[in-house]
């Protein structure tokens, strides 16, 4: 029996439901001691705050580590390895480590980081679980829309049909040991069939797909895959391209975070929740915002309003009471492709 601590990497595009899935994992841990590493893209660690508020005895705030200063796969030596070493040096070591990557992260370099000498003998990648937002993929928003691309190609053969979003989707799916189709309760059976067909084109042989609603899946479905993924040679889109050209892939690591940008907006208490939500949806549509999330202070309400938006699909609910020592302010993180009109978006608030 190996004494290595198993690690599950949970990846997926912006708003696919990674945090919801992990929160349900915590709540169904059945005494298993879980440690979480949360890699947030943006100026405010919103996802970490959501998980810390779950109140489960199996996962205290000390078991959650946030890396809010960059993508794990780009800051392995500076952030990830020291964080792992700190977790492994604890007197009470975790039974299982779960890593939630940024929605813009390439999982392949992170998996390979488990071969670093500092941690190789201590941990193993139990599996990579990729969450796919089924309604979003069904709408062609976070995957290459074949019909649209074909229409463009017919009009102009010189068009660049590769998109940062399409490549990112491909890389996250191709690295998976298990695909979770999330939010399947929001689309019909035919749409689910279409999503499965699209996703299966990017998966490796033998990778299974499961459906989930509200992030609820049994613990033994997600953990215990025993894939030892760090021993595989899982290449990203660009690495496969350069390998096909006979290039040295180690000199061609291409990670287009520059294709995306994020910023946070701080503002005061609001008093008209429905009007505010309508303004959010309007702003998202006008500026083609990919992801919007954060917390809002509402006048005469003792609880904070959590905002989660994937494209124009908006979810708002009161998640927990404000603490007495907290300053009641509102803060939203906006994530989109590079070139967003930040000034105009901020003006809306």
Protein backbone atom coordinates (compact mmCIF):
# COMPACT_ATOMS: atom_id res chain seq x y z
CA UNK A 1 0.00 0.00 0.00
CA UNK A 2 1.26 3.43 -0.90
CA UNK A 3 1.62 5.95 1.91
CA UNK A 4 1.23 8.84 -0.50
CA UNK A 5 -1.63 11.25 0.18
CA UNK A 6 -4.06 11.23 -2.76
CA UNK A 7 -4.82 14.53 -4.47
CA UNK A 8 -7.84 15.26 -6.63
CA UNK A 9 -7.53 18.13 -9.09
CA UNK A 10 -10.91 19.69 -9.89
CA UNK A 11 -10.86 21.85 -12.97
CA UNK A 12 -13.40 23.34 -15.33
CA UNK A 13 -14.27 26.58 -17.03
CA UNK A 14 -15.47 29.72 -15.28
CA UNK A 15 -18.71 29.10 -13.44
CA UNK A 16 -18.93 25.41 -14.31
CA UNK A 17 -19.77 24.55 -10.69
CA UNK A 18 -16.42 23.60 -9.14
CA UNK A 19 -17.05 25.36 -5.83
CA UNK A 20 -20.54 23.88 -5.49
CA UNK A 21 -19.20 20.39 -6.13
CA UNK A 22 -16.40 20.81 -3.56
CA UNK A 23 -18.78 22.18 -0.97
CA UNK A 24 -20.95 19.07 -1.35
CA UNK A 25 -17.82 16.92 -1.07
CA UNK A 26 -17.02 18.56 2.25
CA UNK A 27 -20.54 18.01 3.54
CA UNK A 28 -20.42 14.29 2.65
CA UNK A 29 -16.84 13.63 3.84
CA UNK A 30 -18.02 11.19 6.57
CA UNK A 31 -15.08 11.95 8.84
CA UNK A 32 -12.46 12.03 6.08
CA UNK A 33 -10.09 14.94 6.71
CA UNK A 34 -9.95 17.03 3.56
CA UNK A 35 -7.56 19.87 2.78
CA UNK A 36 -8.41 22.33 0.03
CA UNK A 37 -6.21 24.49 -2.16
CA UNK A 38 -8.27 27.15 -3.90
CA UNK A 39 -6.69 28.93 -6.87
CA UNK A 40 -8.75 32.02 -7.58
CA UNK A 41 -8.56 34.11 -10.75
CA UNK A 42 -9.37 37.68 -9.81
CA UNK A 43 -8.71 40.30 -7.20
CA UNK A 44 -11.03 38.89 -4.53
CA UNK A 45 -10.93 35.28 -3.29
CA UNK A 46 -14.67 34.81 -3.55
CA UNK A 47 -14.67 31.02 -3.93
CA UNK A 48 -12.52 30.57 -0.83
CA UNK A 49 -14.95 32.70 1.16
CA UNK A 50 -17.87 30.57 -0.01
CA UNK A 51 -16.16 27.37 1.10
CA UNK A 52 -15.12 28.82 4.46
CA UNK A 53 -18.74 29.61 5.21
CA UNK A 54 -19.94 26.03 4.79
CA UNK A 55 -19.56 25.33 8.51
CA UNK A 56 -18.58 21.67 8.17
CA UNK A 57 -16.48 20.20 10.99
CA UNK A 58 -14.46 18.15 8.49
CA UNK A 59 -13.10 21.27 6.84
CA UNK A 60 -12.12 24.20 9.02
CA UNK A 61 -10.68 27.48 7.81
CA UNK A 62 -7.22 26.11 8.63
CA UNK A 63 -7.76 23.39 6.03
CA UNK A 64 -8.43 25.87 3.22
CA UNK A 65 -5.52 27.59 1.50
CA UNK A 66 -6.10 30.30 -1.07
CA UNK A 67 -3.63 31.17 -3.81
CA UNK A 68 -4.94 34.47 -5.09
CA UNK A 69 -1.82 35.79 -6.81
CA UNK A 70 -1.82 33.84 -10.03
CA UNK A 71 -2.58 30.58 -11.78
CA UNK A 72 -1.08 27.54 -10.02
CA UNK A 73 0.42 26.19 -13.21
CA UNK A 74 2.35 29.44 -13.76
CA UNK A 75 3.56 29.86 -10.16
CA UNK A 76 4.49 26.32 -9.19
CA UNK A 77 7.81 27.07 -7.50
CA UNK A 78 6.72 30.32 -5.82
CA UNK A 79 3.29 29.32 -4.48
CA UNK A 80 2.15 25.78 -5.08
CA UNK A 81 5.14 23.75 -3.87
CA UNK A 82 5.56 25.76 -0.62
CA UNK A 83 1.81 25.41 0.03
CA UNK A 84 1.96 21.66 -0.45
CA UNK A 85 5.01 21.38 1.80
CA UNK A 86 3.19 23.33 4.52
CA UNK A 87 0.19 20.99 4.34
CA UNK A 88 2.41 17.91 4.44
CA UNK A 89 4.36 19.17 7.46
CA UNK A 90 1.30 19.35 9.70
CA UNK A 91 1.07 17.06 12.71
CA UNK A 92 -2.41 16.04 11.58
CA UNK A 93 -1.96 15.42 7.89
CA UNK A 94 -5.00 15.41 5.60
CA UNK A 95 -6.48 12.15 4.33
CA UNK A 96 -7.09 13.68 0.93
CA UNK A 97 -6.15 16.96 -0.74
CA UNK A 98 -8.49 18.68 -3.19
CA UNK A 99 -7.24 21.39 -5.52
CA UNK A 100 -9.71 23.70 -7.23
CA UNK A 101 -7.93 25.31 -10.17
CA UNK A 102 -8.74 28.69 -11.60
CA UNK A 103 -11.33 28.54 -14.35
CA UNK A 104 -8.59 29.75 -16.69
CA UNK A 105 -5.96 27.22 -15.65
CA UNK A 106 -4.34 24.57 -17.80
CA UNK A 107 -4.43 21.40 -15.66
CA UNK A 108 -1.58 19.62 -17.48
CA UNK A 109 1.33 21.65 -16.01
CA UNK A 110 -0.18 21.33 -12.53
CA UNK A 111 -0.36 17.54 -12.83
CA UNK A 112 3.28 17.43 -13.91
CA UNK A 113 4.24 19.56 -10.90
CA UNK A 114 3.60 16.52 -8.71
CA UNK A 115 6.89 15.12 -10.05
CA UNK A 116 8.83 17.89 -8.30
CA UNK A 117 11.32 16.23 -5.90
CA UNK A 118 10.00 18.20 -2.89
CA UNK A 119 6.61 16.45 -2.99
CA UNK A 120 6.89 13.45 -5.34
CA UNK A 121 7.38 10.90 -2.55
CA UNK A 122 4.56 12.34 -0.43
CA UNK A 123 1.57 12.79 -2.75
CA UNK A 124 0.01 11.32 -5.88
CA UNK A 125 -2.68 12.64 -8.22
CA UNK A 126 -5.66 10.39 -7.55
CA UNK A 127 -7.40 11.88 -10.56
CA UNK A 128 -8.34 14.97 -12.54
CA UNK A 129 -12.06 15.75 -12.44
CA UNK A 130 -13.22 18.23 -15.07
CA UNK A 131 -16.55 19.97 -14.54
CA UNK A 132 -18.36 20.88 -17.77
CA UNK A 133 -21.18 23.41 -17.64
CA UNK A 134 -23.71 21.46 -19.70
CA UNK A 135 -26.14 24.35 -20.40
CA UNK A 136 -23.29 26.67 -21.41
CA UNK A 137 -21.76 24.10 -23.76
CA UNK A 138 -25.21 23.37 -25.15
CA UNK A 139 -25.50 27.07 -26.02
CA UNK A 140 -22.05 27.05 -27.65
CA UNK A 141 -20.75 29.63 -25.21
CA UNK A 142 -17.75 27.86 -23.70
CA UNK A 143 -16.84 25.49 -26.49
CA UNK A 144 -16.17 25.84 -30.18
CA UNK A 145 -19.55 26.18 -31.89
CA UNK A 146 -19.15 23.95 -34.93
CA UNK A 147 -22.06 25.43 -36.88
CA UNK A 148 -20.90 28.98 -36.29
CA UNK A 149 -17.31 28.17 -37.23
CA UNK A 150 -18.44 26.45 -40.41
CA UNK A 151 -20.55 29.46 -41.36
CA UNK A 152 -17.58 31.77 -40.79
CA UNK A 153 -15.28 29.49 -42.78
CA UNK A 154 -17.63 29.55 -45.74
CA UNK A 155 -17.56 33.34 -45.69
CA UNK A 156 -13.84 33.81 -45.19
CA UNK A 157 -11.24 31.05 -45.42
CA UNK A 158 -8.63 33.39 -43.89
CA UNK A 159 -10.43 33.58 -40.53
CA UNK A 160 -8.65 32.29 -37.44
CA UNK A 161 -11.11 29.70 -36.15
CA UNK A 162 -9.15 28.81 -33.02
CA UNK A 163 -10.32 30.70 -29.94
CA UNK A 164 -8.75 30.93 -26.47
CA UNK A 165 -11.99 29.63 -24.97
CA UNK A 166 -12.14 26.69 -27.36
CA UNK A 167 -8.54 25.68 -26.66
CA UNK A 168 -8.99 26.03 -22.91
CA UNK A 169 -12.11 23.88 -22.99
CA UNK A 170 -10.26 21.26 -25.04
CA UNK A 171 -7.29 21.16 -22.64
CA UNK A 172 -9.41 20.85 -19.50
CA UNK A 173 -11.51 18.04 -20.99
CA UNK A 174 -8.53 16.22 -22.51
CA UNK A 175 -6.72 16.10 -19.16
CA UNK A 176 -9.68 14.58 -17.30
CA UNK A 177 -9.91 11.17 -15.69
CA UNK A 178 -13.60 11.83 -15.01
CA UNK A 179 -15.98 14.30 -16.68
CA UNK A 180 -18.83 15.75 -14.62
CA UNK A 181 -21.61 17.33 -16.67
CA UNK A 182 -23.05 19.92 -14.29
CA UNK A 183 -26.47 21.60 -14.17
CA UNK A 184 -28.08 18.91 -16.33
CA UNK A 185 -31.41 19.71 -14.70
CA UNK A 186 -31.44 22.96 -16.68
CA UNK A 187 -31.50 21.35 -20.16
CA UNK A 188 -33.52 18.58 -21.82
CA UNK A 189 -32.41 15.05 -22.71
CA UNK A 190 -31.60 15.89 -26.34
CA UNK A 191 -29.37 18.78 -25.28
CA UNK A 192 -27.56 16.48 -22.83
CA UNK A 193 -27.00 13.97 -25.64
CA UNK A 194 -25.57 16.71 -27.84
CA UNK A 195 -23.25 17.91 -25.07
CA UNK A 196 -22.00 14.38 -24.46
CA UNK A 197 -21.24 13.95 -28.15
CA UNK A 198 -19.31 17.24 -28.27
CA UNK A 199 -17.35 16.59 -25.08
CA UNK A 200 -16.50 13.00 -26.04
CA UNK A 201 -14.55 14.29 -29.05
CA UNK A 202 -11.98 15.82 -26.68
CA UNK A 203 -11.76 13.09 -24.03
CA UNK A 204 -9.09 10.41 -23.80
CA UNK A 205 -10.01 6.75 -24.26
CA UNK A 206 -11.79 5.17 -21.31
CA UNK A 207 -12.78 8.43 -19.57
CA UNK A 208 -16.29 8.28 -18.14
CA UNK A 209 -18.93 11.01 -17.96
CA UNK A 210 -21.39 11.45 -15.11
CA UNK A 211 -24.21 13.93 -14.70
CA UNK A 212 -24.80 16.11 -11.67
CA UNK A 213 -27.45 18.48 -10.42
CA UNK A 214 -26.49 21.15 -7.92
CA UNK A 215 -23.04 19.57 -7.59
CA UNK A 216 -24.29 16.48 -5.76
CA UNK A 217 -22.31 13.30 -6.40
CA UNK A 218 -21.25 10.49 -4.03
CA UNK A 219 -17.79 10.79 -2.51
CA UNK A 220 -16.72 7.42 -3.90
CA UNK A 221 -17.51 8.55 -7.44
CA UNK A 222 -15.15 11.51 -7.30
CA UNK A 223 -12.41 10.25 -4.98
CA UNK A 224 -10.44 7.02 -5.09
CA UNK A 225 -9.82 6.92 -8.85
CA UNK A 226 -6.19 5.90 -8.16
CA UNK A 227 -4.98 7.14 -11.55
CA UNK A 228 -1.46 8.25 -10.53
CA UNK A 229 -1.93 10.92 -13.17
CA UNK A 230 1.49 12.49 -12.59
CA UNK A 231 3.01 9.47 -14.35
CA UNK A 232 1.12 10.21 -17.59
CA UNK A 233 2.31 12.55 -20.32
CA UNK A 234 -0.79 14.70 -20.69
CA UNK A 235 -0.10 17.48 -23.15
CA UNK A 236 -2.01 20.70 -23.71
CA UNK A 237 -3.30 21.87 -27.10
CA UNK A 238 -0.12 23.80 -27.86
CA UNK A 239 2.14 21.07 -26.55
CA UNK A 240 0.46 18.53 -28.83
CA UNK A 241 0.85 20.94 -31.74
CA UNK A 242 4.55 21.44 -31.13
CA UNK A 243 5.10 17.72 -30.52
CA UNK A 244 3.51 17.02 -33.91
CA UNK A 245 5.94 19.51 -35.43
CA UNK A 246 8.86 17.79 -33.74
CA UNK A 247 9.55 20.77 -31.47
CA UNK A 248 10.82 20.69 -27.91
CA UNK A 249 7.56 21.21 -26.02
CA UNK A 250 9.37 22.37 -22.89
CA UNK A 251 10.34 25.54 -24.71
CA UNK A 252 6.90 26.23 -26.07
CA UNK A 253 4.67 26.40 -23.03
CA UNK A 254 1.93 28.73 -24.17
CA UNK A 255 -0.59 29.87 -21.62
CA UNK A 256 -2.72 32.73 -22.83
CA UNK A 257 -3.81 34.39 -19.60
CA UNK A 258 -3.31 37.58 -21.62
CA UNK A 259 -6.43 36.58 -23.56
CA UNK A 260 -8.45 37.18 -20.39
CA UNK A 261 -8.63 39.87 -17.77
CA UNK A 262 -10.36 40.43 -14.45
CA UNK A 263 -10.96 43.31 -12.11
CA UNK A 264 -13.00 43.97 -8.99
CA UNK A 265 -15.60 46.63 -8.34
CA UNK A 266 -16.24 47.88 -4.80
CA UNK A 267 -19.38 49.85 -3.99
CA UNK A 268 -21.79 50.56 -1.16
CA UNK A 269 -25.06 49.05 0.00
CA UNK A 270 -27.89 48.60 -2.50
CA UNK A 271 -31.60 48.88 -1.73
CA UNK A 272 -33.29 47.49 -4.88
CA UNK A 273 -32.23 43.88 -5.38
CA UNK A 274 -34.38 43.15 -8.43
CA UNK A 275 -33.31 46.37 -10.14
CA UNK A 276 -29.70 45.58 -9.34
CA UNK A 277 -29.99 42.07 -10.81
CA UNK A 278 -31.56 43.48 -13.97
CA UNK A 279 -28.69 45.94 -14.30
CA UNK A 280 -26.18 43.11 -13.88
CA UNK A 281 -27.75 41.04 -16.65
CA UNK A 282 -27.89 44.07 -18.94
CA UNK A 283 -24.22 44.86 -18.27
CA UNK A 284 -23.17 41.25 -18.83
CA UNK A 285 -24.93 41.13 -22.19
CA UNK A 286 -23.71 44.53 -23.32
CA UNK A 287 -20.05 43.83 -22.53
CA UNK A 288 -20.05 40.05 -23.13
CA UNK A 289 -18.80 39.34 -19.60
CA UNK A 290 -17.90 35.67 -19.12
CA UNK A 291 -18.16 35.45 -15.36
CA UNK A 292 -19.28 37.76 -12.57
CA UNK A 293 -19.28 36.87 -8.90
CA UNK A 294 -19.06 38.40 -5.47
CA UNK A 295 -21.02 39.64 -2.47
CA UNK A 296 -23.40 42.55 -2.08
CA UNK A 297 -24.63 44.42 0.96
CA UNK A 298 -28.41 45.00 0.88
CA UNK A 299 -30.07 47.73 2.92
CA UNK A 300 -31.99 46.46 5.95
CA UNK A 301 -30.77 42.88 5.41
CA UNK A 302 -28.63 41.09 8.01
CA UNK A 303 -27.33 38.61 5.45
CA UNK A 304 -25.06 39.25 2.49
CA UNK A 305 -26.27 38.61 -1.04
CA UNK A 306 -24.05 36.27 -3.02
CA UNK A 307 -23.91 36.88 -6.78
CA UNK A 308 -22.85 34.19 -9.27
CA UNK A 309 -23.25 34.75 -13.02
CA UNK A 310 -22.14 32.63 -15.95
CA UNK A 311 -22.76 34.73 -19.00
CA UNK A 312 -26.23 36.24 -18.58
CA UNK A 313 -27.40 33.35 -16.39
CA UNK A 314 -27.53 34.93 -12.93
CA UNK A 315 -27.93 33.34 -9.51
CA UNK A 316 -28.40 35.49 -6.39
CA UNK A 317 -29.09 34.29 -2.86
CA UNK A 318 -28.39 35.22 0.76
CA UNK A 319 -25.59 32.95 1.90
CA UNK A 320 -24.67 33.96 5.46
CA UNK A 321 -25.13 36.71 8.08
CA UNK A 322 -22.68 39.59 8.22
CA UNK A 323 -20.30 39.29 11.15
CA UNK A 324 -20.35 42.05 13.72
CA UNK A 325 -16.72 42.95 12.97
CA UNK A 326 -17.17 42.96 9.18
CA UNK A 327 -17.42 46.17 7.20
CA UNK A 328 -20.55 45.88 5.10
CA UNK A 329 -19.37 46.62 1.58
CA UNK A 330 -20.15 45.17 -1.82
CA UNK A 331 -17.51 43.68 -4.07
CA UNK A 332 -17.84 41.98 -7.44
CA UNK A 333 -15.20 40.33 -9.61
CA UNK A 334 -15.65 40.71 -13.37
CA UNK A 335 -13.93 38.22 -15.68
CA UNK A 336 -13.93 38.38 -19.47
CA UNK A 337 -11.81 38.26 -22.56
CA UNK A 338 -9.15 40.94 -22.91
CA UNK A 339 -10.33 44.31 -24.14
CA UNK A 340 -13.40 44.75 -21.96
CA UNK A 341 -14.46 48.37 -21.52
CA UNK A 342 -13.61 48.49 -17.84
CA UNK A 343 -14.49 52.17 -17.45
CA UNK A 344 -18.01 51.71 -18.81
CA UNK A 345 -18.61 48.57 -16.76
CA UNK A 346 -17.53 50.32 -13.54
CA UNK A 347 -19.77 53.28 -14.36
CA UNK A 348 -22.77 50.96 -14.26
CA UNK A 349 -22.20 50.52 -10.54
